[in-house]
Amino acid sequence: MGEVGVAERRTHTVMESPLGPMTLVAADGLLCGVYMAEHRHRPPSETFGPADASVFTECVRQLTEYFEGRRTEFDLPTAARGTPFQQEVWSALREIPYGETVSYGWIAERLGRPTASRAVGAANGRNPISIVVPCHRVVGAGGALTGYGGGLHRKERLLELERAHRGVPSSN
């Protein structure tokens, strides 16, 4: 992440995906946003900077492999901006294995804050790097599908994709 007060050079591109168009945003060459159409906490488009697909070649490749079921983990430099608590939650999201789900309570326990399920849910919902930081793998108590910034229908499709390809050799 850039220092406070230091201007970042932001760029973006739009890639087509099985979930519809996804806007990829980078700050100083580091992935800082993956937004779907109708994304709940999508920043204003004017904050994305100019279009420059060249910055996103590796990101597009890895996302394409993911959607094809050939990638289970991402290896991309990221720079998500958030509070220290949000950063903790987003870090915990990266530990959820491909094709599996956990509850908000599980993450709260993992962070040593067993009563913070709602705060975890709020931080999860603010994750700006969808899919790459797998917030879709978090479900409600008892496995119920709960909110997703890109829409519950997309969350369900992502979980179905991962279940269908679990155990398939990955190209990561």
N, C-alpha and C. Protein backbone atom coordinates (compact mmCIF):
# COMPACT_ATOMS: atom_id res chain seq x y z
N MET A 1 0.83 -1.17 0.00
CA MET A 1 0.00 0.00 0.00
C MET A 1 0.87 1.24 0.00
N GLY A 2 0.43 2.25 -0.71
CA GLY A 2 1.17 3.49 -0.73
C GLY A 2 1.04 4.22 0.60
N GLU A 3 1.96 5.14 0.86
CA GLU A 3 1.91 5.92 2.09
C GLU A 3 0.79 6.95 2.00
N VAL A 4 0.25 7.31 3.14
CA VAL A 4 -0.79 8.33 3.18
C VAL A 4 -0.19 9.63 2.65
N GLY A 5 -0.92 10.29 1.79
CA GLY A 5 -0.45 11.54 1.24
C GLY A 5 0.37 11.37 -0.04
N VAL A 6 0.73 10.17 -0.38
CA VAL A 6 1.48 9.92 -1.60
C VAL A 6 0.49 9.52 -2.69
N ALA A 7 0.53 10.22 -3.80
CA ALA A 7 -0.40 9.94 -4.89
C ALA A 7 -0.08 8.58 -5.52
N GLU A 8 -1.14 7.82 -5.76
CA GLU A 8 -0.98 6.53 -6.43
C GLU A 8 -1.36 6.70 -7.90
N ARG A 9 -0.69 5.94 -8.73
CA ARG A 9 -1.08 5.90 -10.13
C ARG A 9 -2.03 4.71 -10.28
N ARG A 10 -3.29 5.01 -10.53
CA ARG A 10 -4.30 3.97 -10.67
C ARG A 10 -4.60 3.73 -12.14
N THR A 11 -4.81 2.47 -12.47
CA THR A 11 -5.21 2.07 -13.81
C THR A 11 -6.27 0.99 -13.66
N HIS A 12 -6.97 0.73 -14.75
CA HIS A 12 -7.98 -0.32 -14.70
C HIS A 12 -8.16 -0.95 -16.07
N THR A 13 -8.84 -2.08 -16.05
CA THR A 13 -9.28 -2.73 -17.28
C THR A 13 -10.55 -3.48 -16.94
N VAL A 14 -11.27 -3.88 -17.96
CA VAL A 14 -12.47 -4.69 -17.77
C VAL A 14 -12.23 -6.01 -18.49
N MET A 15 -12.44 -7.11 -17.78
CA MET A 15 -12.30 -8.43 -18.41
C MET A 15 -13.66 -9.11 -18.40
N GLU A 16 -13.92 -9.86 -19.43
CA GLU A 16 -15.14 -10.68 -19.46
C GLU A 16 -14.88 -11.95 -18.67
N SER A 17 -15.90 -12.40 -17.97
CA SER A 17 -15.78 -13.62 -17.18
C SER A 17 -17.12 -14.35 -17.23
N PRO A 18 -17.15 -15.59 -16.75
CA PRO A 18 -18.43 -16.31 -16.68
C PRO A 18 -19.44 -15.62 -15.76
N LEU A 19 -18.98 -14.69 -14.94
CA LEU A 19 -19.87 -13.95 -14.03
C LEU A 19 -20.26 -12.59 -14.61
N GLY A 20 -19.87 -12.33 -15.84
CA GLY A 20 -20.10 -11.03 -16.45
C GLY A 20 -18.83 -10.21 -16.41
N PRO A 21 -18.91 -8.95 -16.84
CA PRO A 21 -17.71 -8.11 -16.86
C PRO A 21 -17.20 -7.85 -15.44
N MET A 22 -15.88 -7.90 -15.30
CA MET A 22 -15.23 -7.61 -14.03
C MET A 22 -14.22 -6.49 -14.26
N THR A 23 -14.27 -5.49 -13.39
CA THR A 23 -13.33 -4.38 -13.48
C THR A 23 -12.16 -4.66 -12.55
N LEU A 24 -10.97 -4.67 -13.11
CA LEU A 24 -9.74 -4.87 -12.35
C LEU A 24 -9.08 -3.51 -12.17
N VAL A 25 -8.66 -3.20 -10.95
CA VAL A 25 -8.05 -1.91 -10.64
C VAL A 25 -6.69 -2.16 -10.00
N ALA A 26 -5.70 -1.37 -10.42
CA ALA A 26 -4.37 -1.46 -9.82
C ALA A 26 -3.95 -0.08 -9.33
N ALA A 27 -3.19 -0.07 -8.26
CA ALA A 27 -2.58 1.15 -7.74
C ALA A 27 -1.08 0.92 -7.78
N ASP A 28 -0.38 1.75 -8.53
CA ASP A 28 1.07 1.60 -8.70
C ASP A 28 1.45 0.18 -9.11
N GLY A 29 0.63 -0.43 -9.97
CA GLY A 29 0.92 -1.75 -10.50
C GLY A 29 0.49 -2.91 -9.62
N LEU A 30 -0.06 -2.65 -8.43
CA LEU A 30 -0.51 -3.71 -7.52
C LEU A 30 -2.03 -3.81 -7.57
N LEU A 31 -2.55 -5.01 -7.68
CA LEU A 31 -3.98 -5.22 -7.76
C LEU A 31 -4.65 -4.72 -6.47
N CYS A 32 -5.60 -3.81 -6.62
CA CYS A 32 -6.29 -3.28 -5.43
C CYS A 32 -7.80 -3.40 -5.55
N GLY A 33 -8.29 -3.92 -6.66
CA GLY A 33 -9.73 -4.09 -6.80
C GLY A 33 -10.10 -5.07 -7.89
N VAL A 34 -11.09 -5.91 -7.58
CA VAL A 34 -11.74 -6.78 -8.56
C VAL A 34 -13.23 -6.61 -8.29
N TYR A 35 -13.90 -5.90 -9.18
CA TYR A 35 -15.31 -5.56 -8.97
C TYR A 35 -16.18 -6.13 -10.08
N MET A 36 -17.28 -6.71 -9.66
CA MET A 36 -18.26 -7.22 -10.61
C MET A 36 -19.30 -6.14 -10.89
N ALA A 37 -20.07 -6.34 -11.95
CA ALA A 37 -21.17 -5.41 -12.23
C ALA A 37 -22.11 -5.45 -11.03
N GLU A 38 -22.69 -4.36 -10.69
CA GLU A 38 -23.60 -4.23 -9.55
C GLU A 38 -22.93 -4.60 -8.23
N HIS A 39 -21.64 -4.42 -8.12
CA HIS A 39 -20.92 -4.75 -6.88
C HIS A 39 -21.35 -3.78 -5.78
N ARG A 40 -21.71 -4.32 -4.62
CA ARG A 40 -22.28 -3.51 -3.54
C ARG A 40 -21.39 -2.36 -3.10
N HIS A 41 -20.11 -2.58 -2.88
CA HIS A 41 -19.23 -1.53 -2.38
C HIS A 41 -18.23 -1.06 -3.45
N ARG A 42 -18.69 -1.05 -4.67
CA ARG A 42 -17.85 -0.62 -5.80
C ARG A 42 -17.60 0.88 -5.70
N PRO A 43 -16.33 1.30 -5.71
CA PRO A 43 -16.03 2.74 -5.69
C PRO A 43 -16.49 3.39 -7.00
N PRO A 44 -16.59 4.70 -7.01
CA PRO A 44 -16.95 5.39 -8.25
C PRO A 44 -15.91 5.11 -9.35
N SER A 45 -16.40 4.90 -10.55
CA SER A 45 -15.52 4.56 -11.68
C SER A 45 -14.43 5.60 -11.92
N GLU A 46 -14.70 6.86 -11.61
CA GLU A 46 -13.69 7.90 -11.85
C GLU A 46 -12.47 7.74 -10.95
N THR A 47 -12.54 6.89 -9.92
CA THR A 47 -11.38 6.65 -9.06
C THR A 47 -10.48 5.54 -9.61
N PHE A 48 -10.89 4.88 -10.68
CA PHE A 48 -10.14 3.73 -11.21
C PHE A 48 -8.94 4.12 -12.06
N GLY A 49 -8.84 5.35 -12.47
CA GLY A 49 -7.74 5.77 -13.33
C GLY A 49 -7.99 5.37 -14.77
N PRO A 50 -7.01 5.67 -15.63
CA PRO A 50 -7.18 5.38 -17.06
C PRO A 50 -7.14 3.88 -17.35
N ALA A 51 -7.73 3.50 -18.46
CA ALA A 51 -7.69 2.11 -18.89
C ALA A 51 -6.29 1.78 -19.39
N ASP A 52 -5.77 0.63 -18.94
CA ASP A 52 -4.45 0.17 -19.37
C ASP A 52 -4.38 -1.33 -19.14
N ALA A 53 -4.78 -2.09 -20.13
CA ALA A 53 -4.85 -3.55 -20.00
C ALA A 53 -3.47 -4.18 -19.77
N SER A 54 -2.40 -3.52 -20.18
CA SER A 54 -1.06 -4.13 -20.08
C SER A 54 -0.66 -4.42 -18.64
N VAL A 55 -1.18 -3.66 -17.69
CA VAL A 55 -0.85 -3.85 -16.28
C VAL A 55 -1.46 -5.14 -15.74
N PHE A 56 -2.49 -5.66 -16.40
CA PHE A 56 -3.29 -6.76 -15.86
C PHE A 56 -3.10 -8.10 -16.56
N THR A 57 -2.09 -8.23 -17.39
CA THR A 57 -1.91 -9.46 -18.16
C THR A 57 -1.87 -10.70 -17.26
N GLU A 58 -1.07 -10.65 -16.22
CA GLU A 58 -0.94 -11.81 -15.33
C GLU A 58 -2.22 -12.05 -14.53
N CYS A 59 -2.85 -11.00 -14.09
CA CYS A 59 -4.10 -11.12 -13.34
C CYS A 59 -5.19 -11.75 -14.21
N VAL A 60 -5.33 -11.29 -15.44
CA VAL A 60 -6.32 -11.85 -16.35
C VAL A 60 -6.01 -13.31 -16.62
N ARG A 61 -4.73 -13.64 -16.80
CA ARG A 61 -4.35 -15.04 -17.04
C ARG A 61 -4.76 -15.91 -15.86
N GLN A 62 -4.43 -15.47 -14.64
CA GLN A 62 -4.74 -16.28 -13.46
C GLN A 62 -6.25 -16.38 -13.22
N LEU A 63 -6.99 -15.30 -13.42
CA LEU A 63 -8.44 -15.37 -13.26
C LEU A 63 -9.06 -16.29 -14.31
N THR A 64 -8.57 -16.24 -15.53
CA THR A 64 -9.06 -17.13 -16.58
C THR A 64 -8.81 -18.59 -16.20
N GLU A 65 -7.61 -18.88 -15.72
CA GLU A 65 -7.30 -20.25 -15.28
C GLU A 65 -8.22 -20.67 -14.13
N TYR A 66 -8.50 -19.76 -13.23
CA TYR A 66 -9.41 -20.05 -12.12
C TYR A 66 -10.79 -20.43 -12.67
N PHE A 67 -11.33 -19.61 -13.56
CA PHE A 67 -12.66 -19.88 -14.11
C PHE A 67 -12.69 -21.16 -14.92
N GLU A 68 -11.57 -21.55 -15.49
CA GLU A 68 -11.48 -22.81 -16.24
C GLU A 68 -11.26 -24.01 -15.32
N GLY A 69 -11.11 -23.76 -14.03
CA GLY A 69 -10.88 -24.84 -13.07
C GLY A 69 -9.45 -25.33 -13.02
N ARG A 70 -8.52 -24.55 -13.55
CA ARG A 70 -7.11 -24.95 -13.59
C ARG A 70 -6.24 -24.23 -12.57
N ARG A 71 -6.84 -23.35 -11.75
CA ARG A 71 -6.07 -22.61 -10.74
C ARG A 71 -6.88 -22.61 -9.45
N THR A 72 -6.19 -22.94 -8.35
CA THR A 72 -6.85 -22.97 -7.05
C THR A 72 -6.33 -21.88 -6.10
N GLU A 73 -5.21 -21.27 -6.44
CA GLU A 73 -4.64 -20.18 -5.64
C GLU A 73 -4.12 -19.11 -6.58
N PHE A 74 -4.10 -17.90 -6.07
CA PHE A 74 -3.59 -16.78 -6.87
C PHE A 74 -2.24 -16.35 -6.34
N ASP A 75 -1.38 -15.95 -7.26
CA ASP A 75 -0.05 -15.46 -6.92
C ASP A 75 0.11 -14.09 -7.58
N LEU A 76 -0.55 -13.11 -6.97
CA LEU A 76 -0.55 -11.76 -7.53
C LEU A 76 -0.20 -10.77 -6.43
N PRO A 77 0.61 -9.76 -6.75
CA PRO A 77 0.87 -8.71 -5.75
C PRO A 77 -0.38 -7.85 -5.59
N THR A 78 -0.82 -7.68 -4.34
CA THR A 78 -2.05 -6.94 -4.07
C THR A 78 -1.78 -5.79 -3.09
N ALA A 79 -2.71 -4.85 -3.08
CA ALA A 79 -2.61 -3.69 -2.18
C ALA A 79 -4.00 -3.21 -1.84
N ALA A 80 -4.72 -4.01 -1.05
CA ALA A 80 -6.07 -3.61 -0.65
C ALA A 80 -5.97 -2.61 0.50
N ARG A 81 -6.74 -1.56 0.40
CA ARG A 81 -6.76 -0.55 1.47
C ARG A 81 -7.90 -0.86 2.42
N GLY A 82 -7.59 -0.84 3.70
CA GLY A 82 -8.61 -1.06 4.71
C GLY A 82 -8.05 -0.82 6.09
N THR A 83 -8.93 -0.92 7.06
CA THR A 83 -8.52 -0.74 8.45
C THR A 83 -7.64 -1.92 8.87
N PRO A 84 -6.93 -1.80 9.97
CA PRO A 84 -6.15 -2.94 10.45
C PRO A 84 -7.01 -4.19 10.66
N PHE A 85 -8.22 -4.04 11.19
CA PHE A 85 -9.09 -5.20 11.39
C PHE A 85 -9.50 -5.81 10.04
N GLN A 86 -9.87 -4.97 9.08
CA GLN A 86 -10.20 -5.49 7.75
C GLN A 86 -9.02 -6.25 7.16
N GLN A 87 -7.81 -5.72 7.31
CA GLN A 87 -6.62 -6.39 6.80
C GLN A 87 -6.46 -7.77 7.44
N GLU A 88 -6.73 -7.86 8.74
CA GLU A 88 -6.65 -9.16 9.42
C GLU A 88 -7.65 -10.15 8.83
N VAL A 89 -8.88 -9.68 8.64
CA VAL A 89 -9.92 -10.55 8.08
C VAL A 89 -9.53 -10.98 6.67
N TRP A 90 -9.09 -10.04 5.85
CA TRP A 90 -8.74 -10.37 4.47
C TRP A 90 -7.57 -11.34 4.41
N SER A 91 -6.66 -11.23 5.34
CA SER A 91 -5.55 -12.18 5.42
C SER A 91 -6.07 -13.57 5.77
N ALA A 92 -7.01 -13.64 6.71
CA ALA A 92 -7.60 -14.93 7.09
C ALA A 92 -8.35 -15.56 5.92
N LEU A 93 -8.98 -14.75 5.08
CA LEU A 93 -9.70 -15.28 3.93
C LEU A 93 -8.78 -16.07 3.01
N ARG A 94 -7.55 -15.61 2.88
CA ARG A 94 -6.59 -16.28 2.00
C ARG A 94 -6.22 -17.68 2.50
N GLU A 95 -6.52 -17.97 3.76
CA GLU A 95 -6.21 -19.28 4.34
C GLU A 95 -7.31 -20.31 4.11
N ILE A 96 -8.46 -19.88 3.61
CA ILE A 96 -9.57 -20.82 3.39
C ILE A 96 -9.24 -21.66 2.15
N PRO A 97 -9.17 -22.97 2.29
CA PRO A 97 -8.81 -23.81 1.15
C PRO A 97 -9.84 -23.73 0.01
N TYR A 98 -9.34 -23.86 -1.18
CA TYR A 98 -10.15 -23.89 -2.40
C TYR A 98 -11.23 -24.96 -2.25
N GLY A 99 -12.44 -24.62 -2.63
CA GLY A 99 -13.54 -25.59 -2.62
C GLY A 99 -14.16 -25.82 -1.26
N GLU A 100 -13.69 -25.11 -0.25
CA GLU A 100 -14.25 -25.27 1.09
C GLU A 100 -14.87 -23.96 1.54
N THR A 101 -15.73 -24.05 2.54
CA THR A 101 -16.33 -22.86 3.12
C THR A 101 -16.11 -22.87 4.62
N VAL A 102 -16.13 -21.68 5.20
CA VAL A 102 -16.04 -21.50 6.65
C VAL A 102 -17.09 -20.47 7.04
N SER A 103 -17.37 -20.40 8.32
CA SER A 103 -18.35 -19.42 8.81
C SER A 103 -17.64 -18.14 9.26
N TYR A 104 -18.45 -17.11 9.43
CA TYR A 104 -17.92 -15.85 9.96
C TYR A 104 -17.36 -16.10 11.36
N GLY A 105 -18.05 -16.97 12.12
CA GLY A 105 -17.59 -17.32 13.47
C GLY A 105 -16.24 -18.00 13.46
N TRP A 106 -15.98 -18.84 12.45
CA TRP A 106 -14.70 -19.53 12.33
C TRP A 106 -13.58 -18.50 12.17
N ILE A 107 -13.82 -17.51 11.33
CA ILE A 107 -12.81 -16.47 11.13
C ILE A 107 -12.62 -15.67 12.42
N ALA A 108 -13.71 -15.32 13.07
CA ALA A 108 -13.61 -14.57 14.33
C ALA A 108 -12.78 -15.36 15.35
N GLU A 109 -13.04 -16.65 15.45
CA GLU A 109 -12.25 -17.51 16.36
C GLU A 109 -10.78 -17.50 15.95
N ARG A 110 -10.54 -17.65 14.67
CA ARG A 110 -9.18 -17.69 14.13
C ARG A 110 -8.40 -16.42 14.47
N LEU A 111 -9.11 -15.31 14.52
CA LEU A 111 -8.49 -14.02 14.83
C LEU A 111 -8.40 -13.77 16.34
N GLY A 112 -8.88 -14.73 17.13
CA GLY A 112 -8.85 -14.57 18.57
C GLY A 112 -9.91 -13.60 19.08
N ARG A 113 -10.96 -13.43 18.30
CA ARG A 113 -12.05 -12.52 18.66
C ARG A 113 -13.38 -13.25 18.49
N PRO A 114 -13.65 -14.24 19.33
CA PRO A 114 -14.80 -15.13 19.12
C PRO A 114 -16.17 -14.44 19.08
N THR A 115 -16.29 -13.24 19.60
CA THR A 115 -17.57 -12.54 19.59
C THR A 115 -17.69 -11.55 18.43
N ALA A 116 -16.74 -11.57 17.51
CA ALA A 116 -16.69 -10.56 16.45
C ALA A 116 -17.26 -11.03 15.11
N SER A 117 -18.18 -12.00 15.12
CA SER A 117 -18.73 -12.52 13.85
C SER A 117 -19.32 -11.43 12.97
N ARG A 118 -20.06 -10.52 13.57
CA ARG A 118 -20.68 -9.44 12.76
C ARG A 118 -19.63 -8.51 12.18
N ALA A 119 -18.62 -8.19 12.97
CA ALA A 119 -17.54 -7.32 12.47
C ALA A 119 -16.79 -8.03 11.35
N VAL A 120 -16.59 -9.35 11.49
CA VAL A 120 -15.96 -10.13 10.43
C VAL A 120 -16.81 -10.07 9.17
N GLY A 121 -18.13 -10.20 9.33
CA GLY A 121 -19.02 -10.12 8.19
C GLY A 121 -18.93 -8.78 7.48
N ALA A 122 -18.87 -7.71 8.26
CA ALA A 122 -18.76 -6.37 7.67
C ALA A 122 -17.44 -6.22 6.92
N ALA A 123 -16.34 -6.69 7.51
CA ALA A 123 -15.03 -6.60 6.86
C ALA A 123 -14.99 -7.47 5.60
N ASN A 124 -15.58 -8.65 5.69
CA ASN A 124 -15.64 -9.56 4.55
C ASN A 124 -16.37 -8.88 3.39
N GLY A 125 -17.48 -8.22 3.70
CA GLY A 125 -18.26 -7.54 2.68
C GLY A 125 -17.54 -6.37 2.04
N ARG A 126 -16.53 -5.84 2.69
CA ARG A 126 -15.75 -4.72 2.16
C ARG A 126 -14.49 -5.16 1.42
N ASN A 127 -14.27 -6.46 1.31
CA ASN A 127 -13.09 -6.96 0.59
C ASN A 127 -13.11 -6.42 -0.84
N PRO A 128 -12.13 -5.62 -1.23
CA PRO A 128 -12.14 -5.05 -2.57
C PRO A 128 -11.57 -5.97 -3.66
N ILE A 129 -10.96 -7.07 -3.27
CA ILE A 129 -10.29 -7.92 -4.27
C ILE A 129 -11.03 -9.27 -4.34
N SER A 130 -12.26 -9.21 -4.84
CA SER A 130 -13.09 -10.41 -4.95
C SER A 130 -12.36 -11.53 -5.68
N ILE A 131 -12.71 -12.72 -5.35
CA ILE A 131 -12.20 -13.96 -5.94
C ILE A 131 -10.75 -14.19 -5.57
N VAL A 132 -9.87 -13.25 -5.86
CA VAL A 132 -8.45 -13.40 -5.54
C VAL A 132 -8.28 -13.54 -4.02
N VAL A 133 -8.99 -12.72 -3.27
CA VAL A 133 -9.10 -12.86 -1.82
C VAL A 133 -10.50 -13.44 -1.63
N PRO A 134 -10.59 -14.75 -1.35
CA PRO A 134 -11.84 -15.50 -1.53
C PRO A 134 -12.92 -15.29 -0.47
N CYS A 135 -13.51 -14.11 -0.46
CA CYS A 135 -14.58 -13.81 0.48
C CYS A 135 -15.84 -14.63 0.18
N HIS A 136 -15.94 -15.17 -1.03
CA HIS A 136 -17.10 -16.00 -1.38
C HIS A 136 -17.12 -17.32 -0.63
N ARG A 137 -16.01 -17.70 0.00
CA ARG A 137 -15.93 -18.96 0.73
C ARG A 137 -16.44 -18.84 2.17
N VAL A 138 -16.95 -17.68 2.54
CA VAL A 138 -17.47 -17.48 3.89
C VAL A 138 -19.00 -17.54 3.82
N VAL A 139 -19.56 -18.40 4.67
CA VAL A 139 -21.01 -18.61 4.71
C VAL A 139 -21.51 -18.39 6.13
N GLY A 140 -22.81 -18.32 6.26
CA GLY A 140 -23.41 -18.15 7.57
C GLY A 140 -23.32 -19.43 8.38
N ALA A 141 -23.72 -19.32 9.63
CA ALA A 141 -23.75 -20.48 10.52
C ALA A 141 -24.63 -21.55 9.88
N GLY A 142 -24.21 -22.78 9.94
CA GLY A 142 -24.98 -23.88 9.35
C GLY A 142 -24.83 -23.98 7.85
N GLY A 143 -23.94 -23.18 7.25
CA GLY A 143 -23.68 -23.27 5.82
C GLY A 143 -24.59 -22.44 4.93
N ALA A 144 -25.45 -21.61 5.52
CA ALA A 144 -26.37 -20.79 4.72
C ALA A 144 -25.59 -19.76 3.90
N LEU A 145 -25.98 -19.63 2.63
CA LEU A 145 -25.38 -18.59 1.79
C LEU A 145 -25.89 -17.25 2.28
N THR A 146 -24.96 -16.38 2.60
CA THR A 146 -25.32 -15.04 3.07
C THR A 146 -24.68 -14.03 2.14
N GLY A 147 -24.85 -12.77 2.41
CA GLY A 147 -24.43 -11.69 1.54
C GLY A 147 -23.13 -11.87 0.79
N TYR A 148 -23.11 -11.26 -0.39
CA TYR A 148 -21.90 -11.24 -1.22
C TYR A 148 -21.96 -9.96 -2.04
N GLY A 149 -20.88 -9.21 -2.02
CA GLY A 149 -20.83 -7.92 -2.72
C GLY A 149 -21.20 -8.00 -4.18
N GLY A 150 -20.89 -9.11 -4.83
CA GLY A 150 -21.19 -9.28 -6.24
C GLY A 150 -22.55 -9.91 -6.49
N GLY A 151 -23.30 -10.19 -5.43
CA GLY A 151 -24.62 -10.82 -5.56
C GLY A 151 -24.56 -12.30 -5.19
N LEU A 152 -25.60 -12.77 -4.50
CA LEU A 152 -25.62 -14.17 -4.05
C LEU A 152 -25.56 -15.16 -5.21
N HIS A 153 -26.15 -14.82 -6.36
CA HIS A 153 -26.11 -15.74 -7.50
C HIS A 153 -24.66 -15.96 -7.97
N ARG A 154 -23.83 -14.93 -7.87
CA ARG A 154 -22.42 -15.09 -8.26
C ARG A 154 -21.66 -15.90 -7.20
N LYS A 155 -21.96 -15.66 -5.94
CA LYS A 155 -21.32 -16.43 -4.86
C LYS A 155 -21.62 -17.91 -5.06
N GLU A 156 -22.87 -18.22 -5.33
CA GLU A 156 -23.27 -19.61 -5.54
C GLU A 156 -22.53 -20.22 -6.73
N ARG A 157 -22.38 -19.48 -7.81
CA ARG A 157 -21.67 -19.99 -9.00
C ARG A 157 -20.19 -20.23 -8.69
N LEU A 158 -19.57 -19.32 -7.92
CA LEU A 158 -18.16 -19.50 -7.57
C LEU A 158 -17.97 -20.76 -6.71
N LEU A 159 -18.85 -20.95 -5.74
CA LEU A 159 -18.75 -22.14 -4.89
C LEU A 159 -18.99 -23.41 -5.69
N GLU A 160 -19.95 -23.38 -6.61
CA GLU A 160 -20.21 -24.55 -7.47
C GLU A 160 -18.99 -24.85 -8.34
N LEU A 161 -18.39 -23.81 -8.91
CA LEU A 161 -17.20 -23.99 -9.75
C LEU A 161 -16.10 -24.67 -8.94
N GLU A 162 -15.85 -24.19 -7.73
CA GLU A 162 -14.79 -24.76 -6.91
C GLU A 162 -15.09 -26.20 -6.48
N ARG A 163 -16.34 -26.47 -6.14
CA ARG A 163 -16.70 -27.85 -5.78
C ARG A 163 -16.50 -28.79 -6.97
N ALA A 164 -16.84 -28.33 -8.16
CA ALA A 164 -16.72 -29.15 -9.36
C ALA A 164 -15.27 -29.45 -9.71
N HIS A 165 -14.35 -28.56 -9.36
CA HIS A 165 -12.94 -28.72 -9.74
C HIS A 165 -12.02 -29.07 -8.57
N ARG A 166 -12.59 -29.28 -7.39
CA ARG A 166 -11.76 -29.64 -6.25
C ARG A 166 -11.06 -30.97 -6.56
N GLY A 167 -9.78 -31.03 -6.30
CA GLY A 167 -9.03 -32.25 -6.58
C GLY A 167 -8.45 -32.33 -7.97
N VAL A 168 -8.80 -31.36 -8.83
CA VAL A 168 -8.24 -31.32 -10.18
C VAL A 168 -6.86 -30.68 -10.08
N PRO A 169 -5.82 -31.26 -10.72
CA PRO A 169 -4.49 -30.64 -10.65
C PRO A 169 -4.54 -29.19 -11.11
N SER A 170 -3.85 -28.33 -10.38
CA SER A 170 -3.87 -26.90 -10.64
C SER A 170 -2.59 -26.46 -11.34
N SER A 171 -2.68 -25.35 -12.08
CA SER A 171 -1.50 -24.82 -12.76
C SER A 171 -0.76 -23.79 -11.93
N ASN A 172 -1.10 -23.66 -10.63
CA ASN A 172 -0.39 -22.64 -9.84
C ASN A 172 0.98 -23.10 -9.46
